[in-house]
Amino acid sequence: MPQVTFWQLTDEADGAEPRACHLVADAYANKKKIAVLCANQASAEAVDELLWQLPADRFVPHNMYGEGPGPGTPVEICWQENQLSRRSLLVNLSGEMLSSPGSFQTIYDFVPVADDAKQAARVRYKQYQQAGCQLQFKSADS
């Protein structure tokens, strides 16, 4: 079963996407293949744009689902679960529980500041726990 890390966001204005992009850059630097699952295509496009805005020394080769070279890039951005390809790390920005979390070694999820989104994250945490995942909780500031 995967290791699921929930990242506690501390600033409502920042959102999960900027933090996720820095985590993706860190994982890419460690030679991980990464899938980013967004809530919708507009959110996926926003993540794509944020990844392009990283400094040159943090460049992350990435593409949107269905674009790019045949074998794909190290980072693929999706907005539907059925678009996910086999990767070691999933960054879950969808706000939903995965139907098969066991397909990944590591999953990053987020606990937003807003109360309704925080409650939804608690539900996902319990669902991952019931699925037998190893759980970890970290502050996005660390």
Protein backbone atom coordinates (compact mmCIF):
# COMPACT_ATOMS: atom_id res chain seq x y z
CA MET A 1 0.00 0.00 0.00
CA PRO A 2 1.18 3.53 -0.66
CA GLN A 3 2.57 6.10 1.72
CA VAL A 4 0.07 8.99 1.76
CA THR A 5 1.32 12.37 2.97
CA PHE A 6 -1.22 15.06 3.76
CA TRP A 7 0.24 18.56 3.54
CA GLN A 8 -1.43 21.10 5.84
CA LEU A 9 -1.73 24.41 4.02
CA THR A 10 -1.43 27.48 6.20
CA ASP A 11 -2.44 30.33 3.91
CA GLU A 12 -5.82 30.30 2.15
CA ALA A 13 -4.56 32.74 -0.50
CA ASP A 14 -1.80 30.39 -1.70
CA GLY A 15 -3.83 27.28 -2.39
CA ALA A 16 -2.49 23.79 -2.98
CA GLU A 17 -1.29 24.31 -6.56
CA PRO A 18 1.83 26.43 -5.81
CA ARG A 19 2.87 24.08 -2.98
CA ALA A 20 2.23 21.08 -5.22
CA CYS A 21 4.49 22.53 -7.93
CA HIS A 22 7.37 22.87 -5.47
CA LEU A 23 6.82 19.30 -4.28
CA VAL A 24 6.78 18.12 -7.91
CA ALA A 25 10.07 19.96 -8.57
CA ASP A 26 11.64 18.34 -5.50
CA ALA A 27 10.42 14.88 -6.54
CA TYR A 28 11.64 15.38 -10.12
CA ALA A 29 15.08 16.38 -8.76
CA ASN A 30 15.03 13.00 -6.98
CA LYS A 31 14.33 11.21 -10.32
CA LYS A 32 10.66 10.38 -9.57
CA LYS A 33 8.03 9.93 -12.26
CA ILE A 34 5.01 11.96 -11.19
CA ALA A 35 1.33 12.23 -12.04
CA VAL A 36 -0.60 15.32 -10.99
CA LEU A 37 -4.37 14.81 -10.74
CA CYS A 38 -6.35 18.06 -10.83
CA ALA A 39 -10.04 18.71 -10.20
CA ASN A 40 -10.71 19.82 -13.79
CA GLN A 41 -8.98 20.87 -16.99
CA ALA A 42 -8.81 24.54 -15.96
CA SER A 43 -6.99 23.58 -12.76
CA ALA A 44 -4.65 21.34 -14.77
CA GLU A 45 -3.85 24.26 -17.07
CA ALA A 46 -3.13 26.45 -14.03
CA VAL A 47 -0.70 23.84 -12.66
CA ASP A 48 0.92 23.60 -16.09
CA GLU A 49 1.44 27.37 -16.08
CA LEU A 50 2.83 27.38 -12.52
CA LEU A 51 5.36 24.69 -13.46
CA TRP A 52 6.55 26.86 -16.37
CA GLN A 53 7.05 29.75 -13.93
CA LEU A 54 9.53 27.88 -11.72
CA PRO A 55 13.10 29.23 -11.85
CA ALA A 56 15.32 27.81 -14.61
CA ASP A 57 17.35 25.77 -12.11
CA ARG A 58 14.09 24.06 -11.01
CA PHE A 59 12.87 23.25 -14.55
CA VAL A 60 10.46 20.31 -14.62
CA PRO A 61 9.78 18.57 -17.95
CA HIS A 62 6.02 18.08 -17.99
CA ASN A 63 3.00 17.83 -20.23
CA MET A 64 -0.75 17.82 -20.07
CA TYR A 65 -2.53 14.49 -20.58
CA GLY A 66 -2.58 13.59 -24.27
CA GLU A 67 0.19 16.01 -25.23
CA GLY A 68 3.92 15.62 -25.58
CA PRO A 69 6.13 12.75 -26.67
CA GLY A 70 4.90 9.15 -26.94
CA PRO A 71 6.68 7.77 -23.86
CA GLY A 72 5.69 10.90 -21.96
CA THR A 73 7.60 13.28 -19.77
CA PRO A 74 8.62 12.69 -16.16
CA VAL A 75 5.56 14.71 -15.03
CA GLU A 76 2.09 14.32 -16.49
CA ILE A 77 -0.83 16.56 -15.53
CA CYS A 78 -4.32 14.98 -15.66
CA TRP A 79 -7.82 16.02 -14.69
CA GLN A 80 -9.64 12.66 -14.73
CA GLU A 81 -8.59 9.57 -12.83
CA ASN A 82 -8.86 7.38 -15.94
CA GLN A 83 -6.11 9.51 -17.55
CA LEU A 84 -3.50 8.53 -14.96
CA SER A 85 -0.55 6.51 -16.17
CA ARG A 86 1.66 4.34 -14.01
CA ARG A 87 3.92 6.61 -11.95
CA SER A 88 5.59 6.19 -8.58
CA LEU A 89 4.18 9.45 -7.14
CA LEU A 90 0.72 10.94 -7.44
CA VAL A 91 0.05 14.53 -6.40
CA ASN A 92 -3.68 14.62 -5.75
CA LEU A 93 -5.18 18.08 -6.27
CA SER A 94 -8.60 16.71 -7.23
CA GLY A 95 -10.14 16.97 -3.77
CA GLU A 96 -11.43 13.40 -4.25
CA MET A 97 -10.40 9.96 -3.04
CA LEU A 98 -8.79 7.71 -5.65
CA SER A 99 -10.63 4.55 -6.63
CA SER A 100 -7.36 2.56 -6.53
CA PRO A 101 -4.73 4.23 -4.35
CA GLY A 102 -2.64 1.05 -4.39
CA SER A 103 -1.51 1.87 -7.94
CA PHE A 104 1.02 4.36 -6.54
CA GLN A 105 3.95 4.07 -4.14
CA THR A 106 3.45 7.58 -2.79
CA ILE A 107 0.50 9.97 -2.78
CA TYR A 108 0.54 13.62 -1.78
CA ASP A 109 -2.77 15.16 -0.76
CA PHE A 110 -3.58 18.52 0.79
CA VAL A 111 -5.51 19.92 3.73
CA PRO A 112 -6.71 23.41 2.75
CA VAL A 113 -7.47 26.20 5.19
CA ALA A 114 -11.17 26.58 4.26
CA ASP A 115 -13.42 24.61 6.62
CA ASP A 116 -15.43 22.75 3.96
CA ALA A 117 -12.29 21.68 2.07
CA LYS A 118 -10.62 20.74 5.37
CA GLN A 119 -13.58 18.51 6.22
CA ALA A 120 -13.36 16.83 2.79
CA ALA A 121 -9.63 16.18 3.45
CA ARG A 122 -10.53 14.52 6.76
CA VAL A 123 -12.91 12.22 4.90
CA ARG A 124 -10.16 11.33 2.38
CA TYR A 125 -7.74 10.70 5.24
CA LYS A 126 -10.18 8.18 6.76
CA GLN A 127 -10.75 6.57 3.35
CA TYR A 128 -7.01 6.15 2.79
CA GLN A 129 -6.72 4.73 6.30
CA GLN A 130 -9.49 2.21 5.61
CA ALA A 131 -7.74 1.26 2.35
CA GLY A 132 -4.68 0.27 4.42
CA CYS A 133 -2.41 3.12 3.34
CA GLN A 134 0.42 4.36 5.56
CA LEU A 135 -0.43 7.92 6.54
CA GLN A 136 1.73 10.91 7.37
CA PHE A 137 0.86 14.52 8.12
CA LYS A 138 3.18 17.47 7.43
CA SER A 139 2.96 21.23 7.52
CA ALA A 140 3.41 22.85 4.11
CA ASP A 141 5.76 25.30 5.81
CA SER A 142 8.28 22.56 6.68
